[in-house]
Amino acid sequence: MVARRVRADGVTLRLFRPLLKVAIPLIGLRRSGLDMGEEKFIMFPNKVMGGHGHKQAAEAMGPANHGLLKQLNMLALLRLARASEVISRAELARRSGLSPPTVSALVAKLLRAGLLREEGVGDSSGGRRPTLLRFNARFGYVLGADIGGTRVRVAVADLNGDLLAHAEEPTRKSPPYVRTIVAQIATLSRQVVKTAGVRWRDVRLLAIGAPGITDVERGIVRHAPNLPGWRDVPLRELMESALRLPVHVDNDVNMAVLGESWRGAARGLRNVAFIAIGAGIGAGLLINGELYRGSTHAAGEVGYMLLDPKAIREEFRELGFLEMRASGPAMAARARQLLGRSRAPDAKAVFEAARRGDETARRLVDEIAAYISAAAANVATLLDPEMIVLGGGVSLAGELLTEPIRETIARTVPAKPAVVVSALEDRAQLYGAIFSALQLVERQLADLVARL
């Protein structure tokens, strides 16, 4: 077994390779290209340091770092408890490979900290009936928020990711534009926490999906064309000041692809493109299980995709080529033009009319579908995803949109990804924000376990 020296927080550790995979994220080392915005903190390592490997690792680490080994084992037990409805100490020992006395000692610490709780007794195979343990999902709570071009949504969830309360309202776009929305999110956050019967002091973190190019490391929204006045907005700083909570900010469509792969149609898939078609058009990209943001956080801005050689001569605009032709506002403008009206029907009404056979509505939907199909085919060609998920208001078209996309891809692209409408409807971004918050809270809990 080969040992390797790593350095963390000013301390040099000599770890065997089996420990590296679980120890490095927990002690705060950065993975290549990642930071607080994307670090994967493994609260529940997959491998427990037990048996012969446990002894070798302990000898290699020495007495000074025995605490790290104990921390890893506690986190592993917590993972096993979280993955089970209820579990006994004996079952924890069996699954982990740790000795029953070690499990009992570590469980006692987790019980005192409130991370586990005892809940009833199990069946006996002879002898005393075992006391059952459950992960305490109410040890803390997280907030998720989605800032849309038309609506703002906020939800609070427990540490299992179960939503406890949700609120939404139209996006406020009155001056001062940025602070108006910051105040709106703060108000909705306090509202859902109160509705859920949660103490504010037990809320651990807020994660926000923001529309536009977002600098995740610094929590700054660089450019959000569908929100007036949103350029270089220090959203994380403003929200932390308003709520006195740690805040994480990411692009809303990045949140959507995380939500869809966590609780939606793409559950368990590692290569997914989520294309959101609403007030704007953007894509969240999951590649080999990791979000892809690009060198300047602008990956997935498919609203700027050029689908006509003539557009090469056009200057850069606030809205891109595709957004000006296939977004929700573009569809409304085209509907006004075709109908000769000053006020256009909403997207839902257009799609319903198209399904009934209305020729004008069908013509409009076909125009939108042609642009989206070309963009989706380009995404499929470039990234070879397992699935393309459509979200946003325009995705309400359902099969009116998915069928042309499938036909275009089948005819023009070597790879054939599945094409589906979001199973989470208008909540994909919100679920992704909750998921992101849970990932980041794991570091807080790992730090807590380290102090036990």
Protein backbone atom coordinates (compact mmCIF):
# COMPACT_ATOMS: atom_id res chain seq x y z
CA MET A 1 0.00 0.00 0.00
CA VAL A 2 1.51 3.33 -1.14
CA ALA A 3 1.37 6.40 1.09
CA ARG A 4 1.29 9.96 -0.13
CA ARG A 5 1.90 13.25 1.64
CA VAL A 6 -0.75 15.96 1.36
CA ARG A 7 -0.92 19.35 3.01
CA ALA A 8 -4.05 20.91 4.46
CA ASP A 9 -4.56 23.85 6.80
CA GLY A 10 -0.82 24.07 7.43
CA VAL A 11 -0.53 20.42 8.48
CA THR A 12 1.25 17.72 6.48
CA LEU A 13 -0.54 14.37 6.57
CA ARG A 14 0.75 11.03 5.36
CA LEU A 15 -2.25 9.15 4.02
CA PHE A 16 -2.65 5.83 2.27
CA ARG A 17 -4.40 6.01 -1.08
CA PRO A 18 -7.72 4.51 0.17
CA LEU A 19 -7.99 7.46 2.56
CA LEU A 20 -7.20 10.13 0.01
CA LYS A 21 -10.52 9.93 -1.81
CA VAL A 22 -12.58 10.55 1.32
CA ALA A 23 -10.19 12.63 3.42
CA ILE A 24 -9.12 15.36 1.04
CA PRO A 25 -12.57 16.96 0.50
CA LEU A 26 -13.28 16.89 4.23
CA ILE A 27 -10.11 18.70 5.27
CA GLY A 28 -10.74 21.53 2.87
CA LEU A 29 -8.39 20.86 -0.04
CA ARG A 30 -9.51 22.29 -3.37
CA ARG A 31 -10.16 20.00 -6.24
CA SER A 32 -8.81 21.18 -9.56
CA GLY A 33 -10.89 24.04 -10.91
CA LEU A 34 -13.30 24.06 -7.98
CA ASP A 35 -13.84 26.36 -5.04
CA MET A 36 -16.58 27.10 -2.51
CA GLY A 37 -18.98 27.40 -5.39
CA GLU A 38 -18.49 23.82 -6.51
CA GLU A 39 -16.49 21.86 -3.93
CA LYS A 40 -17.84 18.38 -3.32
CA PHE A 41 -17.77 17.91 0.41
CA ILE A 42 -18.22 14.24 1.13
CA MET A 43 -20.20 14.18 4.33
CA PHE A 44 -20.83 10.49 3.88
CA PRO A 45 -17.72 8.72 2.49
CA ASN A 46 -18.43 5.53 0.60
CA LYS A 47 -15.68 3.54 2.29
CA VAL A 48 -15.27 3.11 6.01
CA MET A 49 -11.75 2.70 7.32
CA GLY A 50 -12.19 -0.65 8.98
CA GLY A 51 -10.38 -3.96 9.31
CA HIS A 52 -6.78 -4.37 8.12
CA GLY A 53 -6.85 -1.10 6.13
CA HIS A 54 -8.05 0.70 9.26
CA LYS A 55 -5.05 -0.54 11.23
CA GLN A 56 -2.54 0.34 8.50
CA ALA A 57 -4.05 3.78 8.02
CA ALA A 58 -4.02 4.48 11.75
CA GLU A 59 -0.35 3.48 11.99
CA ALA A 60 0.52 5.64 9.00
CA MET A 61 -1.28 8.69 10.33
CA GLY A 62 0.12 8.49 13.84
CA PRO A 63 -1.51 9.60 17.09
CA ALA A 64 -1.63 13.27 16.07
CA ASN A 65 -4.01 12.54 13.23
CA HIS A 66 -6.04 9.77 14.82
CA GLY A 67 -8.85 12.33 15.12
CA LEU A 68 -9.13 12.53 11.34
CA LEU A 69 -9.67 8.78 11.12
CA LYS A 70 -12.35 8.97 13.80
CA GLN A 71 -13.99 11.82 11.90
CA LEU A 72 -14.08 9.80 8.68
CA ASN A 73 -15.64 6.84 10.43
CA MET A 74 -18.29 9.01 12.08
CA LEU A 75 -19.15 10.55 8.73
CA ALA A 76 -19.41 7.10 7.18
CA LEU A 77 -21.80 5.95 9.92
CA LEU A 78 -23.85 9.08 9.37
CA ARG A 79 -24.01 8.28 5.67
CA LEU A 80 -25.26 4.76 6.36
CA ALA A 81 -27.90 6.09 8.74
CA ARG A 82 -29.03 8.69 6.24
CA ALA A 83 -29.33 6.12 3.47
CA SER A 84 -31.59 3.96 5.67
CA GLU A 85 -35.04 4.69 7.02
CA VAL A 86 -33.90 3.35 10.39
CA ILE A 87 -30.88 1.25 11.32
CA SER A 88 -29.51 -0.52 14.40
CA ARG A 89 -26.02 -0.26 15.85
CA ALA A 90 -25.41 -3.89 14.96
CA GLU A 91 -26.36 -3.24 11.34
CA LEU A 92 -24.08 -0.20 11.26
CA ALA A 93 -21.22 -2.38 12.50
CA ARG A 94 -21.99 -5.07 9.92
CA ARG A 95 -22.17 -2.66 6.98
CA SER A 96 -19.22 -0.52 8.02
CA GLY A 97 -16.81 -3.24 9.08
CA LEU A 98 -16.12 -1.36 12.32
CA SER A 99 -16.21 -3.19 15.64
CA PRO A 100 -19.44 -2.95 17.70
CA PRO A 101 -17.68 -1.08 20.56
CA THR A 102 -16.30 1.48 18.08
CA VAL A 103 -19.72 1.94 16.50
CA SER A 104 -21.37 2.37 19.91
CA ALA A 105 -18.82 5.00 20.95
CA LEU A 106 -19.16 6.97 17.72
CA VAL A 107 -22.95 6.72 17.70
CA ALA A 108 -23.03 8.08 21.25
CA LYS A 109 -21.20 11.20 20.05
CA LEU A 110 -23.55 11.62 17.10
CA LEU A 111 -26.58 11.25 19.38
CA ARG A 112 -25.27 13.87 21.79
CA ALA A 113 -24.65 16.24 18.89
CA GLY A 114 -28.21 15.73 17.65
CA LEU A 115 -27.21 14.34 14.25
CA LEU A 116 -28.77 10.97 15.04
CA ARG A 117 -31.80 10.16 17.16
CA GLU A 118 -33.13 6.95 18.62
CA GLU A 119 -36.50 5.84 17.34
CA GLY A 120 -38.17 2.70 18.63
CA VAL A 121 -36.91 -0.85 18.62
CA GLY A 122 -36.46 -3.38 15.86
CA ASP A 123 -37.22 -7.07 15.54
CA SER A 124 -35.07 -9.50 17.43
CA SER A 125 -33.44 -12.59 15.98
CA GLY A 126 -32.89 -13.80 19.53
CA GLY A 127 -32.00 -11.77 22.58
CA ARG A 128 -32.67 -8.09 23.19
CA ARG A 129 -34.55 -6.13 20.58
CA PRO A 130 -32.20 -3.52 19.04
CA THR A 131 -32.74 0.21 19.46
CA LEU A 132 -33.17 1.81 16.04
CA LEU A 133 -31.41 4.96 14.88
CA ARG A 134 -32.51 7.59 12.37
CA PHE A 135 -30.61 10.46 10.75
CA ASN A 136 -32.01 13.69 12.17
CA ALA A 137 -33.03 15.55 9.01
CA ARG A 138 -34.39 18.36 11.20
CA PHE A 139 -30.94 19.09 12.64
CA GLY A 140 -30.85 22.01 10.23
CA TYR A 141 -32.58 23.48 7.21
CA VAL A 142 -31.64 25.06 3.90
CA LEU A 143 -33.25 27.68 1.70
CA GLY A 144 -33.35 27.62 -2.09
CA ALA A 145 -34.35 30.56 -4.28
CA ASP A 146 -34.97 30.97 -8.00
CA ILE A 147 -34.94 34.44 -9.54
CA GLY A 148 -36.84 34.23 -12.80
CA GLY A 149 -37.53 36.88 -15.38
CA THR A 150 -41.21 36.75 -14.42
CA ARG A 151 -41.40 35.05 -11.00
CA VAL A 152 -39.33 34.66 -7.83
CA ARG A 153 -39.61 31.38 -5.92
CA VAL A 154 -38.25 30.44 -2.49
CA ALA A 155 -38.47 27.15 -0.56
CA VAL A 156 -37.17 25.74 2.71
CA ALA A 157 -36.15 22.07 3.04
CA ASP A 158 -34.80 19.75 5.71
CA LEU A 159 -31.45 17.98 5.41
CA ASN A 160 -33.02 15.15 3.43
CA GLY A 161 -34.07 17.68 0.81
CA ASP A 162 -37.78 17.39 1.56
CA LEU A 163 -39.54 20.69 0.85
CA LEU A 164 -41.40 21.99 3.91
CA ALA A 165 -42.78 25.27 2.56
CA HIS A 166 -42.73 27.19 -0.70
CA ALA A 167 -43.71 30.69 -1.80
CA GLU A 168 -43.61 32.57 -5.08
CA GLU A 169 -44.71 35.87 -6.54
CA PRO A 170 -44.10 37.99 -9.65
CA THR A 171 -40.57 39.34 -9.98
CA ARG A 172 -40.51 42.93 -8.79
CA LYS A 173 -38.79 45.12 -11.38
CA SER A 174 -39.24 48.56 -9.87
CA PRO A 175 -36.29 50.85 -8.99
CA PRO A 176 -33.92 50.44 -7.27
CA TYR A 177 -33.96 47.25 -9.32
CA VAL A 178 -31.35 45.13 -7.56
CA ARG A 179 -32.26 46.01 -3.98
CA THR A 180 -35.95 45.52 -4.75
CA ILE A 181 -35.37 41.87 -5.67
CA VAL A 182 -32.92 41.36 -2.77
CA ALA A 183 -35.63 42.60 -0.39
CA GLN A 184 -38.18 40.37 -2.13
CA ILE A 185 -36.05 37.25 -1.64
CA ALA A 186 -35.36 38.16 1.99
CA THR A 187 -39.08 38.63 2.68
CA LEU A 188 -40.06 35.36 1.00
CA SER A 189 -37.26 33.52 2.84
CA ARG A 190 -38.53 34.64 6.22
CA GLN A 191 -42.08 33.85 5.13
CA VAL A 192 -41.40 30.21 4.19
CA VAL A 193 -39.31 29.62 7.32
CA LYS A 194 -42.19 30.89 9.45
CA THR A 195 -44.75 28.85 7.49
CA ALA A 196 -42.67 25.68 8.00
CA GLY A 197 -42.49 26.30 11.75
CA VAL A 198 -38.70 26.41 11.62
CA ARG A 199 -36.51 28.53 13.88
CA TRP A 200 -34.46 30.99 11.87
CA ARG A 201 -31.33 30.13 13.82
CA ASP A 202 -31.57 26.55 12.49
CA VAL A 203 -31.37 27.66 8.84
CA ARG A 204 -27.86 26.86 7.61
CA LEU A 205 -27.57 28.33 4.12
CA LEU A 206 -29.37 29.93 1.18
CA ALA A 207 -28.60 28.92 -2.43
CA ILE A 208 -29.86 31.15 -5.25
CA GLY A 209 -30.28 30.52 -8.95
CA ALA A 210 -29.85 33.82 -10.83
CA PRO A 211 -30.63 34.44 -14.51
CA GLY A 212 -27.57 35.31 -16.54
CA ILE A 213 -23.80 34.93 -16.40
CA THR A 214 -22.77 34.37 -12.80
CA ASP A 215 -19.31 34.40 -11.21
CA VAL A 216 -19.80 31.56 -8.74
CA GLU A 217 -16.54 32.08 -6.86
CA ARG A 218 -17.35 35.69 -6.03
CA GLY A 219 -21.13 35.44 -5.95
CA ILE A 220 -21.51 38.16 -8.57
CA VAL A 221 -24.16 38.21 -11.31
CA ARG A 222 -22.21 39.62 -14.23
CA HIS A 223 -25.01 40.08 -16.72
CA ALA A 224 -28.74 39.33 -16.53
CA PRO A 225 -30.37 40.86 -19.63
CA ASN A 226 -33.92 40.06 -18.49
CA LEU A 227 -33.55 41.98 -15.21
CA PRO A 228 -33.21 45.78 -15.49
CA GLY A 229 -30.06 47.16 -13.90
CA TRP A 230 -28.46 43.77 -13.26
CA ARG A 231 -24.81 44.14 -14.23
CA ASP A 232 -21.96 43.13 -11.91
CA VAL A 233 -24.36 42.67 -9.00
CA PRO A 234 -22.67 41.38 -5.79
CA LEU A 235 -25.70 39.25 -5.01
CA ARG A 236 -24.03 37.00 -2.45
CA GLU A 237 -22.78 39.97 -0.44
CA LEU A 238 -26.16 41.73 -0.59
CA MET A 239 -28.12 38.64 0.46
CA GLU A 240 -25.71 37.74 3.26
CA SER A 241 -26.08 41.26 4.59
CA ALA A 242 -29.89 41.06 4.37
CA LEU A 243 -30.29 37.62 5.97
CA ARG A 244 -27.12 37.06 8.02
CA LEU A 245 -26.76 33.64 6.40
CA PRO A 246 -24.10 32.02 4.21
CA VAL A 247 -25.25 32.41 0.60
CA HIS A 248 -24.29 30.54 -2.57
CA VAL A 249 -25.11 31.98 -6.01
CA ASP A 250 -25.11 30.17 -9.35
CA ASN A 251 -26.71 30.47 -12.75
CA ASP A 252 -30.38 29.45 -12.69
CA VAL A 253 -30.09 26.91 -15.51
CA ASN A 254 -27.11 25.29 -13.78
CA MET A 255 -29.42 24.89 -10.82
CA ALA A 256 -32.08 23.43 -13.12
CA VAL A 257 -29.85 20.66 -14.49
CA LEU A 258 -28.81 19.77 -10.93
CA GLY A 259 -32.45 19.65 -9.85
CA GLU A 260 -33.47 17.51 -12.81
CA SER A 261 -30.62 15.04 -12.25
CA TRP A 262 -31.44 14.88 -8.52
CA ARG A 263 -35.23 14.62 -8.44
CA GLY A 264 -36.44 14.82 -12.03
CA ALA A 265 -36.43 13.11 -15.41
CA ALA A 266 -32.62 12.86 -15.55
CA ARG A 267 -32.25 11.22 -12.15
CA GLY A 268 -29.01 9.24 -11.99
CA LEU A 269 -27.71 10.40 -15.39
CA ARG A 270 -24.23 11.92 -15.65
CA ASN A 271 -24.39 13.69 -19.01
CA VAL A 272 -27.39 15.98 -19.34
CA ALA A 273 -28.26 19.25 -21.07
CA PHE A 274 -31.15 21.25 -19.61
CA ILE A 275 -32.41 23.89 -22.05
CA ALA A 276 -34.62 26.51 -20.41
CA ILE A 277 -36.86 28.48 -22.78
CA GLY A 278 -38.67 31.31 -21.05
CA ALA A 279 -37.96 35.02 -20.72
CA GLY A 280 -34.51 34.06 -22.02
CA ILE A 281 -32.86 30.89 -23.31
CA GLY A 282 -29.99 29.14 -21.58
CA ALA A 283 -28.60 25.67 -20.95
CA GLY A 284 -27.26 23.95 -17.87
CA LEU A 285 -24.65 21.32 -18.72
CA LEU A 286 -23.80 18.26 -16.66
CA ILE A 287 -20.72 16.50 -18.06
CA ASN A 288 -19.49 13.29 -16.44
CA GLY A 289 -21.48 14.15 -13.34
CA GLU A 290 -20.01 17.66 -12.96
CA LEU A 291 -21.42 21.06 -13.82
CA TYR A 292 -19.59 22.64 -16.73
CA ARG A 293 -19.34 26.43 -16.44
CA GLY A 294 -16.60 27.34 -18.89
CA SER A 295 -13.59 29.63 -18.44
CA THR A 296 -15.68 32.77 -17.80
CA HIS A 297 -18.84 31.14 -16.36
CA ALA A 298 -20.64 31.68 -19.67
CA ALA A 299 -20.97 28.04 -20.81
CA GLY A 300 -24.51 27.17 -21.81
CA GLU A 301 -25.53 30.63 -23.03
CA VAL A 302 -27.24 29.05 -26.03
CA GLY A 303 -29.48 32.08 -26.42
CA TYR A 304 -26.53 33.57 -28.32
CA MET A 305 -26.16 30.55 -30.62
CA LEU A 306 -25.91 31.59 -34.30
CA LEU A 307 -28.23 29.58 -36.53
CA ASP A 308 -27.99 31.71 -39.67
CA PRO A 309 -24.75 32.70 -41.50
CA LYS A 310 -26.20 36.19 -42.04
CA ALA A 311 -26.21 36.71 -38.28
CA ILE A 312 -22.40 36.61 -38.23
CA ARG A 313 -22.42 40.21 -39.44
CA GLU A 314 -24.64 41.35 -36.55
CA GLU A 315 -23.17 43.18 -33.56
CA PHE A 316 -23.41 41.71 -30.04
CA ARG A 317 -26.71 42.62 -28.42
CA GLU A 318 -28.27 42.25 -24.99
CA LEU A 319 -30.31 39.35 -26.36
CA GLY A 320 -28.75 36.72 -28.59
CA PHE A 321 -29.81 35.39 -31.99
CA LEU A 322 -31.83 32.47 -30.62
CA GLU A 323 -33.42 34.45 -27.78
CA MET A 324 -34.67 37.08 -30.22
CA ARG A 325 -36.44 34.36 -32.22
CA ALA A 326 -37.54 31.59 -29.86
CA SER A 327 -37.87 32.91 -26.29
CA GLY A 328 -41.19 33.66 -24.58
CA PRO A 329 -41.05 37.40 -25.40
CA ALA A 330 -40.06 36.59 -28.99
CA MET A 331 -43.06 34.30 -29.34
CA ALA A 332 -45.36 37.01 -27.95
CA ALA A 333 -43.97 39.58 -30.39
CA ARG A 334 -44.41 37.19 -33.32
CA ALA A 335 -47.98 36.40 -32.19
CA ARG A 336 -48.82 40.12 -32.18
CA GLN A 337 -47.40 40.39 -35.68
CA LEU A 338 -49.31 37.39 -37.06
CA LEU A 339 -52.59 38.30 -35.36
CA GLY A 340 -52.35 42.02 -35.98
CA ARG A 341 -53.07 42.74 -32.34
CA SER A 342 -51.44 45.03 -29.80
CA ARG A 343 -51.77 42.34 -27.14
CA ALA A 344 -50.78 38.72 -27.73
CA PRO A 345 -52.17 35.62 -25.99
CA ASP A 346 -49.88 33.95 -23.47
CA ALA A 347 -47.80 30.89 -24.36
CA LYS A 348 -50.25 28.43 -22.81
CA ALA A 349 -53.14 29.80 -24.89
CA VAL A 350 -51.05 29.61 -28.08
CA PHE A 351 -50.16 25.97 -27.44
CA GLU A 352 -53.76 25.03 -26.67
CA ALA A 353 -54.91 26.70 -29.88
CA ALA A 354 -52.23 24.85 -31.86
CA ARG A 355 -53.42 21.53 -30.43
CA ARG A 356 -56.98 22.38 -31.49
CA GLY A 357 -55.73 22.90 -35.05
CA ASP A 358 -55.63 26.69 -35.23
CA GLU A 359 -53.47 27.42 -38.28
CA THR A 360 -51.94 30.68 -37.03
CA ALA A 361 -51.05 29.18 -33.66
CA ARG A 362 -49.61 26.09 -35.33
CA ARG A 363 -47.51 28.23 -37.67
CA LEU A 364 -46.13 30.16 -34.71
CA VAL A 365 -45.29 27.01 -32.74
CA ASP A 366 -43.64 25.43 -35.80
CA GLU A 367 -41.41 28.50 -36.23
CA ILE A 368 -40.32 28.35 -32.59
CA ALA A 369 -39.82 24.57 -32.78
CA ALA A 370 -37.58 24.90 -35.86
CA TYR A 371 -35.17 27.21 -34.04
CA ILE A 372 -35.14 25.16 -30.84
CA SER A 373 -34.68 21.94 -32.82
CA ALA A 374 -31.62 23.34 -34.58
CA ALA A 375 -30.14 24.52 -31.28
CA ALA A 376 -30.83 21.17 -29.58
CA ALA A 377 -29.23 19.29 -32.48
CA ASN A 378 -26.11 21.45 -32.12
CA VAL A 379 -26.00 20.78 -28.38
CA ALA A 380 -26.37 17.04 -29.03
CA THR A 381 -23.58 17.12 -31.64
CA LEU A 382 -21.18 19.02 -29.43
CA LEU A 383 -21.78 17.34 -26.06
CA ASP A 384 -23.30 13.91 -26.78
CA PRO A 385 -25.56 14.00 -23.69
CA GLU A 386 -27.67 11.07 -22.55
CA MET A 387 -30.68 13.35 -22.28
CA ILE A 388 -31.83 16.82 -23.29
CA VAL A 389 -34.41 18.23 -20.89
CA LEU A 390 -36.63 21.15 -21.89
CA GLY A 391 -37.81 23.58 -19.23
CA GLY A 392 -39.25 27.08 -18.95
CA GLY A 393 -42.59 28.46 -20.07
CA VAL A 394 -42.18 27.58 -23.75
CA SER A 395 -41.65 23.93 -22.78
CA LEU A 396 -45.39 23.84 -22.00
CA ALA A 397 -45.71 23.09 -25.71
CA GLY A 398 -44.85 19.49 -24.78
CA GLU A 399 -44.99 17.16 -27.77
CA LEU A 400 -45.42 20.15 -30.11
CA LEU A 401 -41.79 20.91 -29.27
CA THR A 402 -40.27 17.55 -28.35
CA GLU A 403 -41.40 15.73 -31.50
CA PRO A 404 -39.74 18.16 -33.96
CA ILE A 405 -36.57 18.09 -31.85
CA ARG A 406 -36.47 14.28 -31.84
CA GLU A 407 -37.08 14.19 -35.59
CA THR A 408 -34.36 16.76 -36.25
CA ILE A 409 -31.84 14.94 -34.08
CA ALA A 410 -32.71 11.55 -35.59
CA ARG A 411 -32.21 12.96 -39.08
CA THR A 412 -29.08 15.05 -38.56
CA VAL A 413 -27.09 13.92 -35.51
CA PRO A 414 -25.06 10.70 -35.02
CA ALA A 415 -25.89 10.49 -31.29
CA LYS A 416 -29.52 10.11 -30.25
CA PRO A 417 -30.12 11.52 -26.76
CA ALA A 418 -33.51 11.23 -25.13
CA VAL A 419 -35.53 14.46 -25.40
CA VAL A 420 -38.03 15.12 -22.61
CA VAL A 421 -39.88 17.93 -20.89
CA SER A 422 -38.84 18.63 -17.31
CA ALA A 423 -40.54 16.36 -14.79
CA LEU A 424 -40.24 19.17 -12.23
CA GLU A 425 -42.05 21.70 -14.43
CA ASP A 426 -41.29 25.20 -13.13
CA ARG A 427 -39.48 24.00 -10.00
CA ALA A 428 -36.33 22.47 -11.50
CA GLN A 429 -34.27 25.55 -10.59
CA LEU A 430 -35.66 25.53 -7.06
CA TYR A 431 -34.83 21.86 -6.51
CA GLY A 432 -31.35 22.48 -7.88
CA ALA A 433 -30.85 25.35 -5.45
CA ILE A 434 -31.92 23.10 -2.56
CA PHE A 435 -29.53 20.40 -3.78
CA SER A 436 -26.65 22.89 -4.01
CA ALA A 437 -27.39 24.15 -0.51
CA LEU A 438 -27.36 20.61 0.87
CA GLN A 439 -24.00 19.91 -0.76
CA LEU A 440 -22.48 22.99 0.84
CA VAL A 441 -24.04 22.36 4.24
CA GLU A 442 -22.22 19.04 4.30
CA ARG A 443 -19.00 20.93 4.94
CA GLN A 444 -20.58 22.63 7.96
CA LEU A 445 -21.63 19.24 9.32
CA ALA A 446 -18.23 17.73 8.60
CA ASP A 447 -16.65 20.56 10.58
CA LEU A 448 -19.07 19.86 13.42
CA VAL A 449 -18.21 16.16 13.42
CA ALA A 450 -14.51 17.06 13.55
CA ARG A 451 -15.13 18.83 16.86
CA LEU A 452 -16.99 15.93 18.51
